N, C-alpha and C. Protein backbone atom coordinates (compact mmCIF):
# COMPACT_ATOMS: atom_id res chain seq x y z
N MET A 1 -53.09 -46.42 -50.43
CA MET A 1 -52.40 -45.75 -49.33
C MET A 1 -52.59 -46.70 -48.10
N ARG A 2 -51.95 -46.64 -47.44
CA ARG A 2 -51.82 -47.53 -45.96
C ARG A 2 -52.44 -47.07 -45.08
N ASP A 3 -53.28 -47.86 -44.40
CA ASP A 3 -53.94 -47.51 -43.24
C ASP A 3 -52.93 -47.20 -42.13
N VAL A 4 -53.36 -46.01 -41.52
CA VAL A 4 -52.34 -45.41 -40.14
C VAL A 4 -52.55 -46.31 -39.15
N ALA A 5 -53.77 -46.76 -39.02
CA ALA A 5 -54.21 -47.40 -37.69
C ALA A 5 -53.54 -48.93 -37.53
N SER A 6 -53.12 -49.14 -36.48
CA SER A 6 -52.56 -50.70 -36.46
C SER A 6 -53.72 -51.75 -36.54
N ASN A 7 -53.47 -52.82 -36.74
CA ASN A 7 -54.46 -53.86 -36.57
C ASN A 7 -53.84 -55.14 -35.79
N ILE A 8 -54.40 -56.09 -35.62
CA ILE A 8 -53.96 -57.42 -34.91
C ILE A 8 -53.13 -58.32 -36.00
N LEU A 9 -53.28 -57.94 -37.08
CA LEU A 9 -52.43 -58.67 -38.13
C LEU A 9 -50.76 -58.31 -37.79
N GLN A 10 -50.72 -57.09 -37.75
CA GLN A 10 -49.26 -56.57 -37.75
C GLN A 10 -48.41 -57.29 -36.58
N PRO A 11 -48.63 -57.33 -35.32
CA PRO A 11 -48.03 -57.99 -34.43
C PRO A 11 -47.96 -59.54 -34.61
N ALA A 12 -49.19 -60.16 -35.17
CA ALA A 12 -49.27 -61.75 -35.38
C ALA A 12 -48.10 -61.57 -36.36
N LEU A 13 -48.02 -60.85 -37.41
CA LEU A 13 -46.79 -61.24 -38.59
C LEU A 13 -45.64 -60.92 -37.73
N LEU A 14 -45.38 -60.25 -36.95
CA LEU A 14 -43.94 -60.06 -36.47
C LEU A 14 -43.70 -61.29 -35.66
N SER A 15 -44.67 -61.80 -35.14
CA SER A 15 -44.45 -62.85 -33.86
C SER A 15 -44.28 -63.93 -34.86
N ASN A 16 -44.99 -64.27 -35.76
CA ASN A 16 -45.01 -65.58 -36.22
C ASN A 16 -44.53 -65.76 -37.59
N GLY A 17 -44.30 -64.53 -38.31
CA GLY A 17 -43.92 -64.60 -39.79
C GLY A 17 -42.42 -65.03 -40.22
N THR A 18 -42.05 -64.86 -41.40
CA THR A 18 -40.74 -65.48 -42.03
C THR A 18 -39.70 -64.85 -41.06
N MET A 19 -39.54 -63.54 -40.70
CA MET A 19 -38.66 -63.05 -40.03
C MET A 19 -38.32 -63.77 -38.61
N MET A 20 -39.46 -63.77 -37.91
CA MET A 20 -39.20 -64.75 -36.69
C MET A 20 -38.92 -66.07 -36.61
N MET A 21 -39.40 -66.65 -37.86
CA MET A 21 -38.68 -67.95 -38.34
C MET A 21 -37.17 -68.07 -38.16
N TRP A 22 -36.86 -67.09 -39.17
CA TRP A 22 -35.43 -66.96 -39.27
C TRP A 22 -34.51 -66.81 -37.98
N LEU A 23 -35.23 -65.73 -37.31
CA LEU A 23 -34.27 -65.59 -35.85
C LEU A 23 -34.34 -66.63 -34.97
N THR A 24 -35.40 -67.47 -35.13
CA THR A 24 -35.37 -68.78 -33.90
C THR A 24 -35.07 -69.97 -34.54
N ARG A 25 -34.92 -70.34 -35.48
CA ARG A 25 -34.70 -71.62 -36.26
C ARG A 25 -33.00 -71.69 -36.17
N LEU A 26 -33.02 -72.63 -35.30
CA LEU A 26 -31.33 -72.88 -35.01
C LEU A 26 -30.81 -73.61 -36.25
N SER A 27 -30.36 -72.88 -37.15
CA SER A 27 -29.65 -73.54 -38.50
C SER A 27 -28.13 -73.64 -38.11
N ASP A 28 -27.56 -74.16 -38.96
CA ASP A 28 -25.85 -74.45 -38.85
C ASP A 28 -25.26 -73.13 -38.72
N ASP A 29 -25.83 -72.14 -39.48
CA ASP A 29 -25.36 -70.64 -39.74
C ASP A 29 -25.89 -69.73 -38.64
N HIS A 30 -26.51 -70.35 -37.70
CA HIS A 30 -27.39 -69.33 -36.67
C HIS A 30 -26.24 -69.18 -35.45
N ASP A 31 -26.26 -67.74 -35.06
CA ASP A 31 -25.04 -67.53 -34.26
C ASP A 31 -25.50 -68.34 -32.67
N LEU A 32 -26.57 -68.42 -32.42
CA LEU A 32 -27.06 -69.26 -31.45
C LEU A 32 -27.11 -70.70 -31.42
N THR A 33 -26.89 -71.16 -32.30
CA THR A 33 -26.55 -72.57 -32.49
C THR A 33 -25.17 -72.63 -31.99
N ARG A 34 -24.16 -72.08 -32.44
CA ARG A 34 -22.86 -71.89 -31.95
C ARG A 34 -22.84 -71.84 -30.36
N PHE A 35 -23.42 -70.70 -29.97
CA PHE A 35 -23.63 -70.39 -28.63
C PHE A 35 -24.26 -71.88 -27.76
N ALA A 36 -25.50 -72.39 -28.27
CA ALA A 36 -25.83 -73.60 -27.61
C ALA A 36 -24.64 -74.58 -27.58
N LEU A 37 -23.44 -74.80 -28.72
CA LEU A 37 -22.61 -75.84 -28.64
C LEU A 37 -21.69 -75.38 -27.73
N GLU A 38 -21.50 -74.26 -27.11
CA GLU A 38 -20.45 -74.01 -26.21
C GLU A 38 -20.50 -74.66 -24.83
N PRO A 39 -19.63 -75.15 -24.29
CA PRO A 39 -19.62 -75.95 -22.90
C PRO A 39 -19.96 -74.83 -21.80
N ARG A 40 -21.00 -74.91 -21.00
CA ARG A 40 -21.24 -74.30 -20.05
C ARG A 40 -22.45 -74.77 -19.14
N SER A 41 -22.43 -74.29 -17.86
CA SER A 41 -23.60 -74.87 -17.11
C SER A 41 -24.95 -74.22 -17.66
N LEU A 42 -26.03 -74.89 -17.19
CA LEU A 42 -27.63 -74.23 -17.53
C LEU A 42 -27.52 -72.97 -16.82
N ASP A 43 -27.35 -72.58 -15.72
CA ASP A 43 -27.47 -71.42 -15.05
C ASP A 43 -26.63 -70.25 -15.91
N GLU A 44 -25.23 -70.60 -16.29
CA GLU A 44 -24.50 -69.70 -16.90
C GLU A 44 -25.26 -69.34 -18.49
N PHE A 45 -25.75 -70.23 -19.07
CA PHE A 45 -26.26 -70.15 -20.14
C PHE A 45 -27.40 -69.54 -20.33
N ILE A 46 -28.32 -69.74 -19.23
CA ILE A 46 -29.51 -68.71 -19.03
C ILE A 46 -29.06 -67.31 -19.07
N THR A 47 -27.84 -66.93 -18.02
CA THR A 47 -27.49 -65.93 -17.83
C THR A 47 -27.06 -65.31 -19.05
N ARG A 48 -26.05 -65.68 -19.72
CA ARG A 48 -25.33 -65.25 -20.89
C ARG A 48 -26.52 -64.90 -21.94
N LEU A 49 -27.74 -65.94 -22.38
CA LEU A 49 -28.60 -65.71 -23.17
C LEU A 49 -29.38 -64.60 -22.93
N PHE A 50 -29.74 -64.09 -21.79
CA PHE A 50 -30.67 -62.80 -21.43
C PHE A 50 -29.79 -61.58 -21.51
N VAL A 51 -28.54 -61.72 -21.25
CA VAL A 51 -27.51 -60.63 -21.38
C VAL A 51 -27.50 -60.38 -22.86
N ARG A 52 -27.17 -61.58 -23.58
CA ARG A 52 -27.37 -61.51 -25.16
C ARG A 52 -28.38 -60.67 -25.89
N LEU A 53 -29.40 -61.14 -25.46
CA LEU A 53 -30.57 -60.82 -26.05
C LEU A 53 -31.61 -59.70 -25.53
N LEU A 54 -31.50 -59.55 -24.22
CA LEU A 54 -32.00 -58.32 -23.36
C LEU A 54 -31.35 -57.64 -22.83
N THR A 55 -29.80 -57.86 -22.80
CA THR A 55 -28.79 -56.87 -22.23
C THR A 55 -29.09 -56.58 -20.81
N ARG A 56 -29.65 -57.61 -20.00
CA ARG A 56 -29.70 -57.70 -18.53
C ARG A 56 -29.93 -59.10 -18.12
N GLN A 57 -29.65 -59.01 -16.82
CA GLN A 57 -29.43 -60.26 -15.98
C GLN A 57 -30.97 -60.81 -15.96
N PRO A 58 -31.37 -62.21 -16.02
CA PRO A 58 -32.71 -62.64 -15.80
C PRO A 58 -32.99 -62.65 -14.20
N THR A 59 -34.28 -62.44 -13.91
CA THR A 59 -34.89 -62.34 -12.49
C THR A 59 -34.92 -63.67 -12.08
N GLU A 60 -34.97 -63.91 -10.82
CA GLU A 60 -34.88 -65.27 -10.43
C GLU A 60 -36.13 -66.12 -11.01
N VAL A 61 -37.49 -65.48 -11.21
CA VAL A 61 -38.53 -66.07 -11.66
C VAL A 61 -38.32 -66.57 -13.09
N GLU A 62 -37.77 -65.53 -13.75
CA GLU A 62 -37.31 -66.18 -15.24
C GLU A 62 -36.23 -67.10 -15.37
N ARG A 63 -34.93 -67.10 -14.42
CA ARG A 63 -34.13 -68.01 -14.38
C ARG A 63 -34.65 -69.38 -14.12
N LYS A 64 -35.75 -69.72 -13.18
CA LYS A 64 -36.38 -70.80 -12.95
C LYS A 64 -37.22 -71.28 -13.97
N PHE A 65 -38.25 -70.43 -14.48
CA PHE A 65 -38.88 -70.65 -15.83
C PHE A 65 -38.13 -71.13 -16.85
N TYR A 66 -37.32 -70.46 -17.35
CA TYR A 66 -36.24 -70.96 -18.80
C TYR A 66 -35.62 -71.95 -18.14
N GLY A 67 -35.00 -72.07 -16.81
CA GLY A 67 -34.43 -73.16 -16.42
C GLY A 67 -35.05 -74.70 -16.68
N GLU A 68 -36.26 -74.67 -15.97
CA GLU A 68 -37.14 -75.84 -16.40
C GLU A 68 -37.54 -76.14 -17.63
N ALA A 69 -37.53 -75.02 -18.73
CA ALA A 69 -37.71 -75.29 -19.88
C ALA A 69 -36.60 -75.86 -20.66
N LEU A 70 -35.50 -75.52 -20.05
CA LEU A 70 -34.33 -76.16 -20.93
C LEU A 70 -33.24 -77.13 -20.24
N ALA A 71 -33.96 -77.63 -19.05
CA ALA A 71 -33.21 -78.52 -18.34
C ALA A 71 -33.07 -79.91 -18.91
N THR A 72 -34.04 -80.46 -19.33
CA THR A 72 -34.47 -81.92 -19.73
C THR A 72 -33.40 -81.97 -21.10
N GLY A 73 -32.55 -82.74 -21.05
CA GLY A 73 -31.71 -82.92 -22.18
C GLY A 73 -30.45 -82.00 -22.31
N PHE A 74 -30.58 -80.96 -21.44
CA PHE A 74 -29.40 -79.72 -21.62
C PHE A 74 -27.87 -80.56 -21.50
N ASN A 75 -27.79 -81.77 -20.94
CA ASN A 75 -26.52 -82.07 -20.67
C ASN A 75 -25.91 -82.89 -22.05
N THR A 76 -27.22 -83.36 -22.75
CA THR A 76 -26.81 -84.22 -23.66
C THR A 76 -27.69 -83.49 -24.93
N ARG A 77 -27.32 -82.31 -25.00
CA ARG A 77 -28.07 -81.55 -26.16
C ARG A 77 -27.24 -81.71 -27.39
N ILE A 78 -25.71 -81.66 -27.19
CA ILE A 78 -24.80 -81.63 -28.47
C ILE A 78 -24.73 -83.17 -28.99
N ILE A 79 -25.06 -83.33 -30.23
CA ILE A 79 -24.68 -84.56 -31.03
C ILE A 79 -23.32 -84.88 -31.29
N ALA A 80 -22.70 -85.58 -30.76
CA ALA A 80 -21.40 -85.88 -31.17
C ALA A 80 -21.15 -86.36 -32.65
N GLY A 81 -20.29 -85.88 -33.17
CA GLY A 81 -19.90 -86.31 -34.55
C GLY A 81 -20.76 -85.70 -35.53
N ALA A 82 -21.93 -85.12 -35.26
CA ALA A 82 -22.69 -84.37 -36.03
C ALA A 82 -21.73 -83.32 -36.89
N MET A 83 -22.28 -83.22 -38.26
CA MET A 83 -21.19 -81.96 -38.88
C MET A 83 -22.32 -81.06 -39.30
N ALA A 84 -21.74 -79.92 -39.54
CA ALA A 84 -22.69 -78.70 -39.59
C ALA A 84 -22.67 -78.68 -41.44
N VAL A 85 -23.92 -78.30 -41.62
CA VAL A 85 -24.10 -78.35 -43.11
C VAL A 85 -23.76 -77.06 -43.86
N GLU A 86 -22.89 -77.19 -44.69
CA GLU A 86 -22.58 -75.78 -45.62
C GLU A 86 -23.50 -75.42 -46.47
N PRO A 87 -23.96 -73.80 -46.29
CA PRO A 87 -24.98 -73.41 -46.98
C PRO A 87 -24.57 -73.34 -48.63
N THR A 88 -25.66 -73.75 -49.24
CA THR A 88 -25.39 -73.50 -50.64
C THR A 88 -25.79 -72.42 -51.28
N PRO A 89 -25.05 -71.90 -52.49
CA PRO A 89 -25.70 -70.66 -53.01
C PRO A 89 -26.86 -70.57 -53.36
N ALA A 90 -27.83 -69.74 -53.13
CA ALA A 90 -29.21 -69.95 -53.64
C ALA A 90 -29.54 -69.44 -54.94
N ARG A 91 -28.65 -68.82 -55.56
CA ARG A 91 -28.89 -68.13 -56.79
C ARG A 91 -28.02 -68.89 -57.87
N HIS A 92 -28.35 -69.21 -58.84
CA HIS A 92 -27.75 -69.93 -60.01
C HIS A 92 -28.00 -68.56 -61.29
N ARG A 93 -29.13 -68.68 -61.37
CA ARG A 93 -29.65 -67.68 -62.26
C ARG A 93 -29.75 -66.23 -61.76
N PHE A 94 -30.27 -65.29 -62.47
CA PHE A 94 -30.59 -63.93 -62.09
C PHE A 94 -31.36 -63.34 -62.94
N VAL A 95 -32.07 -62.18 -62.34
CA VAL A 95 -33.10 -61.23 -63.24
C VAL A 95 -32.34 -60.12 -63.23
N ALA A 96 -31.98 -59.83 -64.62
CA ALA A 96 -31.04 -58.45 -64.90
C ALA A 96 -31.77 -57.56 -65.99
N TRP A 97 -31.44 -56.62 -66.50
CA TRP A 97 -32.19 -55.97 -67.42
C TRP A 97 -32.42 -56.33 -68.56
N SER A 98 -31.70 -57.37 -68.97
CA SER A 98 -31.57 -58.18 -70.34
C SER A 98 -32.79 -59.14 -70.19
N ASN A 99 -33.36 -59.53 -69.02
CA ASN A 99 -34.39 -60.59 -69.07
C ASN A 99 -35.59 -60.31 -67.91
N HIS A 100 -35.62 -58.92 -67.44
CA HIS A 100 -36.57 -58.71 -66.19
C HIS A 100 -38.06 -58.53 -66.98
N MET A 101 -38.32 -58.57 -68.32
CA MET A 101 -39.47 -58.45 -68.73
C MET A 101 -39.92 -59.83 -69.07
N LYS A 102 -39.43 -60.93 -68.94
CA LYS A 102 -39.73 -62.37 -69.50
C LYS A 102 -40.47 -63.03 -68.08
N SER A 103 -41.31 -63.89 -68.65
CA SER A 103 -41.92 -64.65 -67.62
C SER A 103 -40.96 -65.27 -66.70
N GLU A 104 -40.16 -65.61 -67.22
CA GLU A 104 -39.12 -66.51 -66.63
C GLU A 104 -38.53 -65.78 -65.17
N ALA A 105 -38.35 -64.20 -65.30
CA ALA A 105 -38.04 -63.68 -64.38
C ALA A 105 -39.09 -63.73 -63.30
N ASN A 106 -40.15 -63.70 -63.46
CA ASN A 106 -41.27 -63.67 -62.31
C ASN A 106 -41.08 -65.04 -61.80
N THR A 107 -40.93 -66.16 -62.40
CA THR A 107 -40.97 -67.50 -61.89
C THR A 107 -39.61 -67.73 -61.18
N LEU A 108 -38.50 -67.04 -61.44
CA LEU A 108 -37.19 -67.09 -60.51
C LEU A 108 -37.39 -66.32 -59.51
N ARG A 109 -38.09 -65.09 -59.51
CA ARG A 109 -38.39 -64.28 -58.07
C ARG A 109 -39.33 -65.07 -57.22
N LEU A 110 -40.38 -65.84 -57.87
CA LEU A 110 -41.19 -66.82 -56.83
C LEU A 110 -40.58 -67.92 -56.24
N GLU A 111 -39.46 -68.36 -57.01
CA GLU A 111 -38.73 -69.48 -56.52
C GLU A 111 -37.80 -69.10 -55.38
N GLU A 112 -37.16 -67.93 -55.62
CA GLU A 112 -36.55 -67.08 -54.62
C GLU A 112 -37.47 -66.91 -53.30
N GLU A 113 -38.62 -66.32 -53.23
CA GLU A 113 -39.35 -66.02 -52.30
C GLU A 113 -39.60 -67.27 -51.56
N ALA A 114 -39.91 -68.38 -52.12
CA ALA A 114 -40.27 -69.74 -51.53
C ALA A 114 -39.20 -70.25 -50.68
N ALA A 115 -37.95 -70.20 -51.36
CA ALA A 115 -36.68 -70.63 -50.67
C ALA A 115 -36.29 -69.53 -49.66
N ALA A 116 -36.84 -68.21 -49.46
CA ALA A 116 -36.36 -67.52 -48.34
C ALA A 116 -37.40 -67.78 -47.18
N ARG A 117 -38.74 -68.27 -47.78
CA ARG A 117 -39.91 -68.46 -46.63
C ARG A 117 -39.32 -69.68 -45.81
N ARG A 118 -38.62 -70.74 -46.57
CA ARG A 118 -38.40 -72.13 -46.18
C ARG A 118 -37.21 -72.02 -45.09
N GLY A 119 -36.36 -70.94 -45.44
CA GLY A 119 -35.22 -70.81 -44.45
C GLY A 119 -34.05 -71.78 -44.68
N ASP A 120 -33.17 -71.95 -43.87
CA ASP A 120 -32.28 -72.68 -43.63
C ASP A 120 -32.95 -74.04 -42.88
N PRO A 121 -32.38 -75.38 -43.10
CA PRO A 121 -32.90 -76.22 -42.45
C PRO A 121 -32.37 -76.34 -40.86
N PRO A 122 -32.90 -76.82 -40.01
CA PRO A 122 -32.40 -76.71 -38.56
C PRO A 122 -31.11 -77.52 -38.62
N THR A 123 -30.21 -77.34 -37.60
CA THR A 123 -29.05 -77.97 -37.32
C THR A 123 -29.15 -79.51 -36.64
N ALA A 124 -28.33 -80.11 -37.29
CA ALA A 124 -28.31 -81.70 -36.83
C ALA A 124 -27.34 -81.74 -35.77
N ARG A 125 -26.45 -80.80 -35.40
CA ARG A 125 -25.67 -80.80 -34.31
C ARG A 125 -26.28 -80.84 -32.96
N LEU A 126 -27.43 -80.50 -32.79
CA LEU A 126 -28.18 -80.37 -31.50
C LEU A 126 -29.52 -81.45 -31.69
N ASP A 127 -29.55 -81.90 -30.25
CA ASP A 127 -30.73 -82.69 -30.05
C ASP A 127 -32.08 -82.28 -30.62
N PRO A 128 -32.83 -82.68 -31.57
CA PRO A 128 -34.02 -82.11 -31.76
C PRO A 128 -35.06 -81.88 -31.10
N GLU A 129 -35.06 -82.57 -30.00
CA GLU A 129 -36.20 -82.39 -29.06
C GLU A 129 -35.82 -80.94 -28.13
N TRP A 130 -34.42 -81.08 -27.61
CA TRP A 130 -33.75 -79.76 -26.98
C TRP A 130 -34.05 -78.54 -27.84
N ARG A 131 -33.28 -78.89 -28.95
CA ARG A 131 -33.44 -77.39 -30.06
C ARG A 131 -34.72 -76.87 -30.00
N ARG A 132 -35.80 -77.78 -30.11
CA ARG A 132 -37.02 -76.97 -30.33
C ARG A 132 -37.44 -76.30 -29.19
N ARG A 133 -37.26 -76.93 -27.81
CA ARG A 133 -37.54 -76.10 -26.75
C ARG A 133 -36.68 -74.68 -26.71
N PHE A 134 -35.28 -74.85 -27.09
CA PHE A 134 -34.65 -73.80 -27.19
C PHE A 134 -35.30 -72.71 -28.02
N GLU A 135 -35.60 -73.04 -29.17
CA GLU A 135 -36.29 -72.44 -30.32
C GLU A 135 -37.54 -71.64 -29.79
N ASP A 136 -38.27 -72.37 -28.92
CA ASP A 136 -39.60 -72.01 -28.31
C ASP A 136 -39.11 -70.79 -27.10
N VAL A 137 -37.95 -70.85 -26.45
CA VAL A 137 -37.51 -70.18 -25.44
C VAL A 137 -37.15 -68.58 -26.35
N LEU A 138 -36.31 -68.95 -27.34
CA LEU A 138 -35.84 -67.76 -28.30
C LEU A 138 -37.14 -66.96 -28.69
N TRP A 139 -38.35 -67.54 -29.10
CA TRP A 139 -39.33 -67.23 -29.47
C TRP A 139 -39.97 -66.24 -28.42
N ALA A 140 -40.25 -66.96 -27.20
CA ALA A 140 -40.63 -65.99 -26.06
C ALA A 140 -39.76 -64.87 -25.59
N LEU A 141 -38.53 -65.05 -25.79
CA LEU A 141 -37.62 -63.78 -25.14
C LEU A 141 -37.78 -62.83 -26.37
N LEU A 142 -37.83 -63.04 -27.62
CA LEU A 142 -37.68 -62.05 -28.92
C LEU A 142 -39.25 -61.57 -28.76
N ASN A 143 -40.29 -62.05 -28.23
CA ASN A 143 -41.72 -61.55 -27.97
C ASN A 143 -41.75 -60.86 -26.88
N ALA A 144 -40.52 -60.73 -25.89
CA ALA A 144 -40.93 -60.08 -24.81
C ALA A 144 -41.38 -58.55 -25.02
N PRO A 145 -42.17 -57.81 -24.21
CA PRO A 145 -42.44 -56.49 -24.21
C PRO A 145 -41.17 -55.60 -24.08
N GLU A 146 -40.44 -56.08 -23.80
CA GLU A 146 -38.84 -55.35 -23.70
C GLU A 146 -38.55 -54.83 -25.20
N TRP A 147 -38.85 -55.77 -26.03
CA TRP A 147 -38.36 -55.39 -27.52
C TRP A 147 -39.39 -54.17 -28.11
N THR A 148 -40.46 -54.21 -27.67
CA THR A 148 -41.35 -52.91 -28.19
C THR A 148 -41.81 -52.00 -27.53
N HIS A 149 -41.57 -52.10 -26.05
CA HIS A 149 -42.06 -51.07 -25.18
C HIS A 149 -41.31 -50.74 -24.42
N VAL A 150 -40.82 -49.31 -24.17
CA VAL A 150 -40.13 -48.59 -23.27
C VAL A 150 -40.81 -48.49 -21.94
N LEU A 151 -40.16 -49.19 -20.92
CA LEU A 151 -41.05 -49.23 -19.63
C LEU A 151 -40.68 -48.24 -18.62
């Protein structure tokens, strides 16, 4: 039976686990990669990012803070000529009623889990240094108290 009391591990896993990696890693299949590739000013970028993630305008303090975080390399963030990587199908074999009791089924599920934990590779269409800063900004915004607390 599960403990009903929360512990420090629960928010740590939410903030730093596989799901957060999926949400913040800017792969070619990520909607925020497409968002980052659209031409706009830094100020408009921050405003639209806040509206998109938090459904509100950023405060002046937030605009300044995130503007400083993303300013370096913002105008050169897009790598010209870099192509998007098409996702490859993850499953070639499958577990079904006919093979679910075989050890191969367990091996297959472990391989699928490892692939899911790795996630998609980061995009090559954004400058790697700027992309990492933007991923850090996404992590900070997705861990904002607004996501878990009603004020």
